[in-house]
Amino acid sequence: MRLIAVPERIPRRGSAFWRFAGRTVLGSRGWKMQGELPNISKFVIALAPHTSNWDFVYGASVMFALDIQLAFLGKHTLFRVPVLSTFLRWIGGIPVDRSAARGVVADSVRAFRDAGEKRVLVITPEGTRSRVEKFRTGFLHIARGAGVPVVLVGLDYATRTVFIGPAIDPGEDVEADRERIEAHFRTMQPRNPR
């Protein structure tokens, strides 16, 4: 399987076993990668489109294959089963109750500030696998508040390609950034077309 290079400043997991596991999953399903990661130690990843539980499987496989240490926001109900919760937290999961999600942006910005030199946070801009009219903007507010770029990562099921990049520095016009990012992801076919 074709991988991309991981720049030296990106936080690493350091596990040969999990690198092999991630590459095996992606390779056995015919996935490839295209693009590049910026050589920076802190950023938000916007992962889209998100229409299936398979998106998590392939997203986690990319993380393991590239040996990247990251955190991600996940629905709190996924963390109710002790064994699953332990695994999700180990790979970087942070439970979020979407019915009471107040404070998630401020907490995430604080986590970037408290993280020291390295932190990568993955967020699905749709916030759900269900159809949404437009992306949520929390990921942009987190990136702006933390002073970090957003790296776009797309899963295109038509070509079985993980598209990595570009990196975007969020500006003052959050709505314009949201529209530009949505347009970027419209070219990618989700697992469950909407």
Protein backbone atom coordinates (compact mmCIF):
# COMPACT_ATOMS: atom_id res chain seq x y z
CA MET A 1 0.00 0.00 0.00
CA ARG A 2 1.19 3.50 -0.77
CA LEU A 3 1.71 5.67 2.34
CA ILE A 4 2.70 9.27 2.75
CA ALA A 5 5.72 10.54 4.66
CA VAL A 6 5.10 11.72 8.21
CA PRO A 7 7.12 14.84 9.06
CA GLU A 8 9.33 14.70 12.16
CA ARG A 9 7.40 17.27 14.23
CA ILE A 10 4.13 15.31 14.24
CA PRO A 11 3.54 13.37 17.49
CA ARG A 12 4.13 9.63 17.08
CA ARG A 13 2.68 6.55 18.80
CA GLY A 14 5.87 4.49 18.46
CA SER A 15 4.30 1.05 17.98
CA ALA A 16 5.55 -1.26 15.23
CA PHE A 17 2.68 -3.69 15.91
CA TRP A 18 -0.04 -1.04 15.43
CA ARG A 19 1.73 0.39 12.36
CA PHE A 20 1.61 -3.11 10.85
CA ALA A 21 -2.05 -3.56 11.86
CA GLY A 22 -3.12 -0.25 10.32
CA ARG A 23 -1.24 -0.91 7.10
CA THR A 24 -2.67 -4.42 6.89
CA VAL A 25 -6.27 -3.19 7.23
CA LEU A 26 -5.83 -0.47 4.62
CA GLY A 27 -3.82 -2.64 2.22
CA SER A 28 -6.23 -5.57 2.41
CA ARG A 29 -9.12 -3.27 1.50
CA GLY A 30 -7.25 -1.58 -1.36
CA TRP A 31 -6.86 1.88 0.21
CA LYS A 32 -4.07 4.28 -0.73
CA MET A 33 -3.02 7.74 0.46
CA GLN A 34 -2.41 10.93 -1.42
CA GLY A 35 -1.22 14.34 -0.24
CA GLU A 36 0.97 15.45 2.61
CA LEU A 37 0.94 16.43 6.25
CA PRO A 38 2.48 19.75 7.29
CA ASN A 39 5.61 19.57 9.44
CA ILE A 40 3.96 21.10 12.50
CA SER A 41 3.34 19.68 15.94
CA LYS A 42 -0.15 21.03 16.67
CA PHE A 43 -3.20 21.04 14.40
CA VAL A 44 -6.84 20.01 14.02
CA ILE A 45 -7.77 17.36 11.48
CA ALA A 46 -11.19 17.73 9.84
CA LEU A 47 -12.14 14.21 8.68
CA ALA A 48 -15.01 13.89 6.21
CA PRO A 49 -17.31 12.71 4.80
CA HIS A 50 -18.67 10.79 7.78
CA THR A 51 -21.64 8.54 6.95
CA SER A 52 -20.67 5.12 8.30
CA ASN A 53 -19.01 3.34 11.23
CA TRP A 54 -16.45 2.16 8.66
CA ASP A 55 -15.12 5.73 8.59
CA PHE A 56 -13.84 5.18 12.13
CA VAL A 57 -12.24 1.86 11.18
CA TYR A 58 -10.40 3.37 8.22
CA GLY A 59 -9.59 6.60 10.05
CA ALA A 60 -8.07 4.67 12.97
CA SER A 61 -6.19 2.47 10.49
CA VAL A 62 -4.67 5.58 8.91
CA MET A 63 -3.64 6.82 12.35
CA PHE A 64 -1.97 3.51 13.15
CA ALA A 65 -0.42 3.05 9.68
CA LEU A 66 1.21 6.48 9.88
CA ASP A 67 2.07 6.03 13.58
CA ILE A 68 0.42 9.32 14.60
CA GLN A 69 -0.55 10.07 18.21
CA LEU A 70 -3.82 11.97 18.21
CA ALA A 71 -7.00 12.69 20.12
CA PHE A 72 -10.55 12.60 18.77
CA LEU A 73 -14.01 13.58 19.95
CA GLY A 74 -16.53 10.73 20.08
CA LYS A 75 -20.15 10.23 21.06
CA HIS A 76 -20.27 9.59 24.82
CA THR A 77 -22.49 6.52 24.43
CA LEU A 78 -19.59 4.70 22.75
CA PHE A 79 -17.70 4.96 26.03
CA ARG A 80 -20.33 3.18 28.15
CA VAL A 81 -18.99 -0.35 27.53
CA PRO A 82 -15.90 -0.70 29.77
CA VAL A 83 -13.69 -2.69 27.37
CA LEU A 84 -14.58 -0.46 24.39
CA SER A 85 -14.16 2.65 26.53
CA THR A 86 -10.69 1.57 27.62
CA PHE A 87 -9.65 0.97 23.99
CA LEU A 88 -11.16 4.23 22.72
CA ARG A 89 -9.46 6.26 25.43
CA TRP A 90 -6.16 4.47 24.78
CA ILE A 91 -6.23 5.45 21.11
CA GLY A 92 -7.10 9.06 22.01
CA GLY A 93 -10.89 9.13 22.40
CA ILE A 94 -12.55 11.93 24.34
CA PRO A 95 -16.26 11.35 25.11
CA VAL A 96 -18.65 14.21 24.26
CA ASP A 97 -22.32 14.33 25.20
CA ARG A 98 -23.74 16.12 22.17
CA SER A 99 -27.01 16.88 23.96
CA ALA A 100 -25.00 18.98 26.45
CA ALA A 101 -21.93 19.84 24.38
CA ARG A 102 -21.47 23.28 25.90
CA GLY A 103 -17.88 24.03 26.69
CA VAL A 104 -16.38 21.54 24.20
CA VAL A 105 -14.73 24.31 22.17
CA ALA A 106 -13.27 26.03 25.26
CA ASP A 107 -12.16 22.68 26.73
CA SER A 108 -10.50 21.71 23.44
CA VAL A 109 -8.71 25.05 23.12
CA ARG A 110 -7.49 24.68 26.71
CA ALA A 111 -6.26 21.15 25.94
CA PHE A 112 -4.17 22.54 23.07
CA ARG A 113 -2.66 25.16 25.37
CA ASP A 114 -1.98 22.61 28.14
CA ALA A 115 -0.59 19.94 25.80
CA GLY A 116 2.94 21.24 25.65
CA GLU A 117 4.59 21.03 22.28
CA LYS A 118 2.44 18.46 20.48
CA ARG A 119 -1.28 17.83 19.95
CA VAL A 120 -3.38 16.61 17.02
CA LEU A 121 -7.17 16.60 17.40
CA VAL A 122 -9.49 14.88 14.90
CA ILE A 123 -13.06 16.09 14.45
CA THR A 124 -15.72 15.10 11.92
CA PRO A 125 -17.26 18.44 10.83
CA GLU A 126 -20.67 16.84 10.28
CA GLY A 127 -20.73 15.80 13.94
CA THR A 128 -22.87 12.76 13.08
CA ARG A 129 -23.26 10.02 10.48
CA SER A 130 -26.75 11.32 9.65
CA ARG A 131 -27.40 13.74 6.82
CA VAL A 132 -26.70 17.37 7.75
CA GLU A 133 -27.45 20.50 5.76
CA LYS A 134 -24.07 22.02 6.54
CA PHE A 135 -20.93 21.32 8.55
CA ARG A 136 -20.77 22.43 12.14
CA THR A 137 -18.18 25.07 12.87
CA GLY A 138 -16.83 23.96 16.26
CA PHE A 139 -13.65 22.58 14.69
CA LEU A 140 -12.92 25.98 13.15
CA HIS A 141 -13.52 27.76 16.45
CA ILE A 142 -11.19 25.29 18.20
CA ALA A 143 -8.45 25.84 15.62
CA ARG A 144 -8.83 29.64 15.75
CA GLY A 145 -8.87 29.67 19.55
CA ALA A 146 -5.79 27.44 19.74
CA GLY A 147 -3.97 29.28 16.93
CA VAL A 148 -3.49 26.11 14.89
CA PRO A 149 -4.32 25.16 11.29
CA VAL A 150 -6.97 22.70 10.13
CA VAL A 151 -5.69 19.83 7.97
CA LEU A 152 -8.38 18.36 5.71
CA VAL A 153 -8.46 14.56 5.50
CA GLY A 154 -11.01 12.95 3.19
CA LEU A 155 -12.11 9.36 2.74
CA ASP A 156 -13.13 8.79 -0.88
CA TYR A 157 -14.83 5.41 -1.14
CA ALA A 158 -15.11 5.64 -4.96
CA THR A 159 -11.34 5.52 -5.39
CA ARG A 160 -10.46 4.07 -1.95
CA THR A 161 -8.15 7.01 -1.41
CA VAL A 162 -7.37 8.90 1.77
CA PHE A 163 -6.75 12.49 0.66
CA ILE A 164 -4.53 14.35 3.12
CA GLY A 165 -4.34 18.14 2.92
CA PRO A 166 -4.46 20.97 2.36
CA ALA A 167 -3.87 22.79 5.64
CA ILE A 168 -6.03 25.85 6.21
CA ASP A 169 -5.46 28.68 8.68
CA PRO A 170 -8.95 29.67 9.87
CA GLY A 171 -9.69 33.36 9.38
CA GLU A 172 -12.16 35.81 10.84
CA ASP A 173 -14.96 34.70 8.49
CA VAL A 174 -15.87 31.29 9.90
CA GLU A 175 -18.80 30.90 7.52
CA ALA A 176 -16.58 31.45 4.45
CA ASP A 177 -14.08 28.90 5.80
CA ARG A 178 -16.89 26.40 6.41
CA GLU A 179 -18.20 26.81 2.86
CA ARG A 180 -14.71 26.41 1.37
CA ILE A 181 -14.07 23.25 3.41
CA GLU A 182 -17.47 21.75 2.54
CA ALA A 183 -16.76 22.38 -1.16
CA HIS A 184 -13.44 20.54 -0.82
CA PHE A 185 -15.12 17.44 0.62
CA ARG A 186 -18.00 17.42 -1.92
CA THR A 187 -15.63 15.87 -4.45
CA MET A 188 -15.30 12.73 -2.27
CA GLN A 189 -17.80 9.90 -2.30
CA PRO A 190 -18.90 8.76 1.17
CA ARG A 191 -19.56 5.12 1.97
CA ASN A 192 -23.29 5.87 2.26
CA PRO A 193 -24.14 8.55 -0.31
CA ARG A 194 -26.67 11.06 0.96
